[in-house]
Amino acid sequence: MKFDSVPSGVYPELVYPEYKSTVKRGPLQPLLRVDAALPVTENIATPPALLLPGDIDLTRPEGCDGEAIGERIVVTGRVTDEDGKPVRNSLVEVWQCNAAGRYRHKKDQHNAPLDPNFNGWGKMLTDDEGRYRFVTVKPGPYPWGNHHKAFRPAHIHFSLFGNVYAQRLVTQMYFPNDPLFDYDPIFQSVPDEAARQRLISRFSIEETMHEHLLGYEFDIVLRGRDATPMGL
């Protein structure tokens, strides 16, 4: 099976000095391509028990009595290959900080408040058209110590699995017109301007629900000249 290579500049620089931790952890030798036989020919068979009701509505997680605080949004889009064909029955994971800019994780000691009704993670399968959809709150920006006045733009992390769990692509979705784009070295580590724009979701009045939530669309292309930057 052969695929067109992703053009130079679409994926982030592995060592990008402005993104300081890449200097310590980035590879210093050229990458090697491993030619290996396909481990399987079928997609991952996701057990139904793995998908919980709260996984597609992050504002109402399992075991919580109330609703998450913040601007409620719905995020939807398609996962496609380089030819625009849908990637069906693919496991999509998402995670994010809360509306105040704090992750529910022990390493996040940012002094913003935790929301008792928001965990910040979910998962779902794409349908026959490659579509996914989930409800959440818009994440807040947060400081991250990379440099003076460093704040991350609001974003949601996405993970997509291939035919085995070891095949995993990770990216980030951003929101339109964020003033922090120009100052964020993670976003700027993608050299190609057009590729960076593919990380930004589109506001959708069609997906917006009257008096309830705002809609955003974010399509993910796995390969080819219009590939979504991965490795963020």
Foldseek 3Di string as FASTA:
>chain_A
DDDDAADPLLAFDQQDVLQPVSVVVGDPDDDDDDDDDDPDDDADDDDPVVADPCQQEQQADPPDDHGADAAKEKEKEAEAEQVQAGDFFWKKKKFFAGQQAFAPDPVTPFPGDHTPRGHGIHMDTQHNRRMDMGMGHFHHWDADPSDPPRIDATKMKMWIAGRDNVRIWIDIAHEPPTPCCVVHVVLVSRPDPLLSVLSYWAWDPVRADPPPHTYTYHYAYPRDHNHRHTDD
